[in-house]
Amino acid sequence: MSDTPTSSAPLLVVCLCADWCGTCRDYRSIFEEAAQAFSYTGDTRFAWVDIEDESELVDPVEVENFPTLLVSDADGVRFFGTVLPHKDTLWRLLRSEREGRRGAPHPDAEVQALARRLWSRP
């Protein structure tokens, strides 16, 4: 099984966490490993957002569980939710997105607005 993507459609992958969360601290190395593996073509952006340090960016979206991932393409948010903090879980999600197996855009307008704010960041 390969750890590399199969598509080149632009993708934004954001982990919404908090510095005080031990699970988030443990998950960060897994997330950074994925960022290296999946961003080699330059068409996938990864961002780690501390929801407390960047509350003005995240509000009014409520992040209740960690780690929470937001995955967005040009059509909007395709995944927004808590994931198990395991490498295989993240890899499966990212491969699914890269292969185009996407459902309908996320229905929450505030989550979509957050994604637009995140896309506009350098």
N, C-alpha and C. Protein backbone atom coordinates (compact mmCIF):
# COMPACT_ATOMS: atom_id res chain seq x y z
N MET A 1 0.84 -1.17 0.00
CA MET A 1 0.00 0.00 0.00
C MET A 1 0.89 1.24 0.00
N SER A 2 0.65 2.15 -0.91
CA SER A 2 1.46 3.35 -1.04
C SER A 2 0.96 4.45 -0.12
N ASP A 3 1.89 5.28 0.34
CA ASP A 3 1.55 6.43 1.17
C ASP A 3 1.46 7.70 0.35
N THR A 4 1.46 7.61 -0.96
CA THR A 4 1.46 8.80 -1.79
C THR A 4 0.11 9.01 -2.44
N PRO A 5 -0.20 10.28 -2.77
CA PRO A 5 -1.50 10.58 -3.38
C PRO A 5 -1.58 10.10 -4.81
N THR A 6 -2.81 10.04 -5.33
CA THR A 6 -3.01 9.58 -6.70
C THR A 6 -3.63 10.65 -7.58
N SER A 7 -3.95 11.81 -7.07
CA SER A 7 -4.59 12.86 -7.84
C SER A 7 -3.86 14.17 -7.58
N SER A 8 -4.11 15.17 -8.43
CA SER A 8 -3.43 16.44 -8.22
C SER A 8 -4.40 17.60 -8.03
N ALA A 9 -5.65 17.35 -7.70
CA ALA A 9 -6.60 18.43 -7.44
C ALA A 9 -6.19 19.14 -6.15
N PRO A 10 -6.23 20.47 -6.13
CA PRO A 10 -5.85 21.19 -4.91
C PRO A 10 -6.68 20.77 -3.71
N LEU A 11 -6.01 20.61 -2.59
CA LEU A 11 -6.65 20.13 -1.38
C LEU A 11 -6.06 20.87 -0.18
N LEU A 12 -6.91 21.22 0.76
CA LEU A 12 -6.49 21.86 2.01
C LEU A 12 -6.85 20.91 3.14
N VAL A 13 -5.86 20.59 3.98
CA VAL A 13 -6.05 19.69 5.11
C VAL A 13 -5.63 20.45 6.37
N VAL A 14 -6.57 20.65 7.28
CA VAL A 14 -6.30 21.43 8.48
C VAL A 14 -6.63 20.62 9.71
N CYS A 15 -5.71 20.61 10.66
CA CYS A 15 -5.97 19.98 11.96
C CYS A 15 -6.27 21.10 12.94
N LEU A 16 -7.45 21.03 13.53
CA LEU A 16 -7.89 22.00 14.54
C LEU A 16 -7.69 21.37 15.91
N CYS A 17 -6.77 21.92 16.67
CA CYS A 17 -6.40 21.32 17.96
C CYS A 17 -6.17 22.41 19.00
N ALA A 18 -5.73 21.99 20.17
CA ALA A 18 -5.39 22.91 21.26
C ALA A 18 -4.08 22.46 21.89
N ASP A 19 -3.26 23.42 22.25
CA ASP A 19 -1.96 23.13 22.81
C ASP A 19 -2.04 22.31 24.10
N TRP A 20 -3.09 22.51 24.88
CA TRP A 20 -3.23 21.80 26.16
C TRP A 20 -3.64 20.34 25.98
N CYS A 21 -4.03 19.96 24.79
CA CYS A 21 -4.54 18.60 24.53
C CYS A 21 -3.38 17.63 24.26
N GLY A 22 -3.20 16.67 25.14
CA GLY A 22 -2.14 15.68 24.98
C GLY A 22 -2.31 14.85 23.72
N THR A 23 -3.54 14.51 23.38
CA THR A 23 -3.79 13.74 22.16
C THR A 23 -3.34 14.54 20.94
N CYS A 24 -3.61 15.83 20.94
CA CYS A 24 -3.18 16.68 19.82
C CYS A 24 -1.66 16.73 19.72
N ARG A 25 -1.00 16.88 20.85
CA ARG A 25 0.47 16.91 20.83
C ARG A 25 1.02 15.60 20.27
N ASP A 26 0.42 14.47 20.66
CA ASP A 26 0.86 13.17 20.15
C ASP A 26 0.57 13.03 18.66
N TYR A 27 -0.53 13.61 18.20
CA TYR A 27 -0.99 13.48 16.82
C TYR A 27 -0.17 14.35 15.86
N ARG A 28 0.45 15.39 16.38
CA ARG A 28 1.12 16.36 15.52
C ARG A 28 2.18 15.71 14.63
N SER A 29 2.95 14.78 15.16
CA SER A 29 4.00 14.14 14.33
C SER A 29 3.37 13.31 13.20
N ILE A 30 2.24 12.68 13.46
CA ILE A 30 1.54 11.92 12.42
C ILE A 30 1.04 12.88 11.33
N PHE A 31 0.48 14.00 11.75
CA PHE A 31 -0.03 15.00 10.81
C PHE A 31 1.11 15.57 9.97
N GLU A 32 2.24 15.87 10.61
CA GLU A 32 3.38 16.41 9.88
C GLU A 32 3.96 15.39 8.90
N GLU A 33 3.94 14.12 9.27
CA GLU A 33 4.40 13.06 8.36
C GLU A 33 3.48 13.00 7.13
N ALA A 34 2.19 13.13 7.35
CA ALA A 34 1.24 13.14 6.23
C ALA A 34 1.48 14.36 5.35
N ALA A 35 1.75 15.49 5.97
CA ALA A 35 2.01 16.71 5.19
C ALA A 35 3.20 16.50 4.26
N GLN A 36 4.23 15.85 4.74
CA GLN A 36 5.39 15.57 3.89
C GLN A 36 5.04 14.59 2.77
N ALA A 37 4.30 13.55 3.09
CA ALA A 37 3.98 12.51 2.11
C ALA A 37 3.00 12.98 1.05
N PHE A 38 2.05 13.82 1.43
CA PHE A 38 0.97 14.18 0.51
C PHE A 38 1.12 15.55 -0.13
N SER A 39 2.12 16.32 0.24
CA SER A 39 2.24 17.66 -0.34
C SER A 39 3.42 17.78 -1.29
N TYR A 40 3.99 16.66 -1.69
CA TYR A 40 5.18 16.72 -2.53
C TYR A 40 4.92 17.36 -3.89
N THR A 41 3.71 17.34 -4.39
CA THR A 41 3.43 17.93 -5.69
C THR A 41 3.10 19.41 -5.58
N GLY A 42 2.93 19.91 -4.37
CA GLY A 42 2.64 21.33 -4.18
C GLY A 42 1.18 21.68 -4.30
N ASP A 43 0.30 20.70 -4.48
CA ASP A 43 -1.12 20.99 -4.66
C ASP A 43 -1.95 20.66 -3.41
N THR A 44 -1.30 20.25 -2.35
CA THR A 44 -2.00 19.98 -1.10
C THR A 44 -1.35 20.80 0.00
N ARG A 45 -2.18 21.58 0.66
CA ARG A 45 -1.69 22.41 1.76
C ARG A 45 -2.15 21.82 3.08
N PHE A 46 -1.26 21.81 4.04
CA PHE A 46 -1.57 21.34 5.38
C PHE A 46 -1.37 22.50 6.34
N ALA A 47 -2.25 22.57 7.34
CA ALA A 47 -2.12 23.61 8.36
C ALA A 47 -2.53 23.05 9.72
N TRP A 48 -1.81 23.45 10.72
CA TRP A 48 -2.09 23.10 12.11
C TRP A 48 -2.61 24.38 12.75
N VAL A 49 -3.83 24.36 13.26
CA VAL A 49 -4.44 25.56 13.83
C VAL A 49 -4.80 25.30 15.28
N ASP A 50 -4.20 26.06 16.18
CA ASP A 50 -4.56 26.00 17.59
C ASP A 50 -5.83 26.85 17.75
N ILE A 51 -6.92 26.22 18.14
CA ILE A 51 -8.21 26.91 18.16
C ILE A 51 -8.28 28.01 19.21
N GLU A 52 -7.41 27.96 20.20
CA GLU A 52 -7.40 29.02 21.21
C GLU A 52 -6.50 30.18 20.78
N ASP A 53 -5.33 29.86 20.24
CA ASP A 53 -4.42 30.91 19.77
C ASP A 53 -5.00 31.65 18.57
N GLU A 54 -5.80 30.96 17.77
CA GLU A 54 -6.38 31.57 16.57
C GLU A 54 -7.91 31.56 16.63
N SER A 55 -8.43 31.89 17.79
CA SER A 55 -9.89 31.86 17.98
C SER A 55 -10.61 32.82 17.05
N GLU A 56 -10.00 33.96 16.71
CA GLU A 56 -10.64 34.91 15.80
C GLU A 56 -10.80 34.32 14.41
N LEU A 57 -9.94 33.41 14.03
CA LEU A 57 -10.05 32.73 12.74
C LEU A 57 -11.11 31.64 12.78
N VAL A 58 -11.13 30.88 13.86
CA VAL A 58 -12.01 29.71 13.96
C VAL A 58 -13.45 30.07 14.31
N ASP A 59 -13.65 31.04 15.20
CA ASP A 59 -15.01 31.42 15.62
C ASP A 59 -15.83 31.82 14.42
N PRO A 60 -17.09 31.45 14.37
CA PRO A 60 -17.95 30.88 15.39
C PRO A 60 -18.06 29.35 15.36
N VAL A 61 -17.17 28.68 14.62
CA VAL A 61 -17.22 27.22 14.56
C VAL A 61 -16.81 26.65 15.92
N GLU A 62 -17.61 25.71 16.41
CA GLU A 62 -17.32 25.04 17.68
C GLU A 62 -16.54 23.76 17.41
N VAL A 63 -15.36 23.67 17.97
CA VAL A 63 -14.56 22.45 17.89
C VAL A 63 -14.62 21.83 19.27
N GLU A 64 -15.32 20.70 19.37
CA GLU A 64 -15.58 20.11 20.68
C GLU A 64 -14.69 18.91 21.00
N ASN A 65 -14.16 18.25 19.98
CA ASN A 65 -13.34 17.06 20.19
C ASN A 65 -12.07 17.16 19.36
N PHE A 66 -11.04 16.48 19.82
CA PHE A 66 -9.73 16.55 19.17
C PHE A 66 -9.21 15.16 18.85
N PRO A 67 -8.42 15.04 17.79
CA PRO A 67 -8.18 16.05 16.76
C PRO A 67 -9.37 16.15 15.81
N THR A 68 -9.66 17.36 15.38
CA THR A 68 -10.69 17.60 14.38
C THR A 68 -10.01 18.00 13.09
N LEU A 69 -10.38 17.34 12.01
CA LEU A 69 -9.82 17.65 10.70
C LEU A 69 -10.84 18.35 9.83
N LEU A 70 -10.35 19.26 9.03
CA LEU A 70 -11.14 19.92 7.99
C LEU A 70 -10.40 19.64 6.69
N VAL A 71 -11.10 19.05 5.73
CA VAL A 71 -10.53 18.77 4.41
C VAL A 71 -11.42 19.46 3.39
N SER A 72 -10.78 20.31 2.57
CA SER A 72 -11.53 21.12 1.62
C SER A 72 -10.87 21.07 0.25
N ASP A 73 -11.71 21.11 -0.77
CA ASP A 73 -11.21 21.29 -2.13
C ASP A 73 -11.85 22.56 -2.68
N ALA A 74 -11.70 22.81 -3.96
CA ALA A 74 -12.22 24.03 -4.56
C ALA A 74 -13.74 24.14 -4.44
N ASP A 75 -14.43 23.02 -4.28
CA ASP A 75 -15.89 23.03 -4.17
C ASP A 75 -16.38 23.18 -2.74
N GLY A 76 -15.48 23.18 -1.78
CA GLY A 76 -15.89 23.35 -0.39
C GLY A 76 -15.38 22.24 0.51
N VAL A 77 -15.86 22.27 1.75
CA VAL A 77 -15.44 21.31 2.75
C VAL A 77 -16.03 19.94 2.43
N ARG A 78 -15.17 18.95 2.38
CA ARG A 78 -15.58 17.57 2.09
C ARG A 78 -15.60 16.72 3.34
N PHE A 79 -14.81 17.12 4.33
CA PHE A 79 -14.80 16.39 5.59
C PHE A 79 -14.53 17.38 6.71
N PHE A 80 -15.33 17.26 7.77
CA PHE A 80 -15.11 18.06 8.97
C PHE A 80 -15.54 17.19 10.15
N GLY A 81 -14.56 16.75 10.92
CA GLY A 81 -14.93 15.93 12.06
C GLY A 81 -13.72 15.41 12.81
N THR A 82 -14.02 14.80 13.91
CA THR A 82 -13.01 14.20 14.76
C THR A 82 -12.54 12.90 14.12
N VAL A 83 -11.26 12.64 14.19
CA VAL A 83 -10.71 11.40 13.66
C VAL A 83 -9.93 10.69 14.77
N LEU A 84 -9.82 9.39 14.63
CA LEU A 84 -8.96 8.65 15.54
C LEU A 84 -7.53 9.10 15.30
N PRO A 85 -6.78 9.32 16.34
CA PRO A 85 -5.41 9.82 16.16
C PRO A 85 -4.43 8.72 15.78
N HIS A 86 -4.69 8.11 14.63
CA HIS A 86 -3.84 7.03 14.13
C HIS A 86 -3.43 7.36 12.70
N LYS A 87 -2.22 6.99 12.36
CA LYS A 87 -1.69 7.24 11.02
C LYS A 87 -2.57 6.61 9.95
N ASP A 88 -2.96 5.35 10.13
CA ASP A 88 -3.75 4.67 9.10
C ASP A 88 -5.08 5.36 8.83
N THR A 89 -5.69 5.89 9.85
CA THR A 89 -6.96 6.60 9.69
C THR A 89 -6.77 7.84 8.83
N LEU A 90 -5.74 8.60 9.13
CA LEU A 90 -5.45 9.81 8.35
C LEU A 90 -5.09 9.46 6.91
N TRP A 91 -4.25 8.46 6.72
CA TRP A 91 -3.85 8.06 5.37
C TRP A 91 -5.07 7.62 4.55
N ARG A 92 -5.97 6.83 5.13
CA ARG A 92 -7.17 6.39 4.40
C ARG A 92 -8.02 7.59 3.99
N LEU A 93 -8.22 8.52 4.90
CA LEU A 93 -9.01 9.70 4.59
C LEU A 93 -8.38 10.50 3.45
N LEU A 94 -7.08 10.72 3.53
CA LEU A 94 -6.41 11.52 2.50
C LEU A 94 -6.39 10.81 1.15
N ARG A 95 -6.14 9.51 1.15
CA ARG A 95 -6.18 8.77 -0.12
C ARG A 95 -7.57 8.83 -0.74
N SER A 96 -8.59 8.69 0.08
CA SER A 96 -9.96 8.76 -0.41
C SER A 96 -10.23 10.11 -1.05
N GLU A 97 -9.80 11.17 -0.41
CA GLU A 97 -9.97 12.51 -0.97
C GLU A 97 -9.18 12.68 -2.26
N ARG A 98 -7.95 12.22 -2.29
CA ARG A 98 -7.11 12.37 -3.47
C ARG A 98 -7.64 11.55 -4.64
N GLU A 99 -8.32 10.46 -4.36
CA GLU A 99 -8.88 9.61 -5.42
C GLU A 99 -10.24 10.10 -5.88
N GLY A 100 -10.73 11.17 -5.30
CA GLY A 100 -11.99 11.75 -5.74
C GLY A 100 -13.23 11.10 -5.20
N ARG A 101 -13.09 10.25 -4.19
CA ARG A 101 -14.27 9.61 -3.59
C ARG A 101 -14.84 10.56 -2.55
N ARG A 102 -15.56 11.55 -3.04
CA ARG A 102 -16.08 12.58 -2.16
C ARG A 102 -17.60 12.55 -2.15
N GLY A 103 -18.13 12.92 -1.02
CA GLY A 103 -19.56 13.08 -0.91
C GLY A 103 -19.95 14.51 -1.21
N ALA A 104 -21.12 14.87 -0.78
CA ALA A 104 -21.60 16.24 -0.95
C ALA A 104 -20.82 17.18 -0.04
N PRO A 105 -20.75 18.45 -0.40
CA PRO A 105 -20.07 19.41 0.48
C PRO A 105 -20.73 19.44 1.87
N HIS A 106 -19.94 19.77 2.86
CA HIS A 106 -20.43 19.85 4.24
C HIS A 106 -21.57 20.87 4.30
N PRO A 107 -22.66 20.56 5.00
CA PRO A 107 -23.84 21.43 4.99
C PRO A 107 -23.73 22.68 5.86
N ASP A 108 -22.78 22.76 6.77
CA ASP A 108 -22.70 23.88 7.72
C ASP A 108 -22.03 25.09 7.06
N ALA A 109 -22.77 26.19 6.92
CA ALA A 109 -22.25 27.40 6.28
C ALA A 109 -21.08 27.99 7.05
N GLU A 110 -21.08 27.88 8.38
CA GLU A 110 -19.97 28.42 9.17
C GLU A 110 -18.69 27.63 8.94
N VAL A 111 -18.80 26.32 8.77
CA VAL A 111 -17.63 25.48 8.48
C VAL A 111 -17.11 25.83 7.08
N GLN A 112 -18.01 26.03 6.12
CA GLN A 112 -17.59 26.43 4.77
C GLN A 112 -16.88 27.79 4.81
N ALA A 113 -17.40 28.71 5.62
CA ALA A 113 -16.78 30.04 5.74
C ALA A 113 -15.39 29.92 6.37
N LEU A 114 -15.24 29.04 7.36
CA LEU A 114 -13.92 28.80 7.96
C LEU A 114 -12.95 28.30 6.89
N ALA A 115 -13.38 27.39 6.08
CA ALA A 115 -12.52 26.87 5.01
C ALA A 115 -12.07 28.00 4.05
N ARG A 116 -12.98 28.88 3.70
CA ARG A 116 -12.62 30.00 2.83
C ARG A 116 -11.57 30.88 3.50
N ARG A 117 -11.72 31.14 4.80
CA ARG A 117 -10.72 31.92 5.53
C ARG A 117 -9.37 31.21 5.53
N LEU A 118 -9.40 29.89 5.71
CA LEU A 118 -8.15 29.11 5.73
C LEU A 118 -7.50 29.08 4.36
N TRP A 119 -8.29 28.96 3.30
CA TRP A 119 -7.74 28.96 1.94
C TRP A 119 -7.04 30.29 1.64
N SER A 120 -7.56 31.39 2.19
CA SER A 120 -7.01 32.71 1.87
C SER A 120 -5.75 33.05 2.66
N ARG A 121 -5.42 32.22 3.64
CA ARG A 121 -4.18 32.44 4.40
C ARG A 121 -2.97 32.08 3.56
N PRO A 122 -1.86 32.80 3.77
CA PRO A 122 -0.64 32.45 3.02
C PRO A 122 -0.08 31.11 3.44
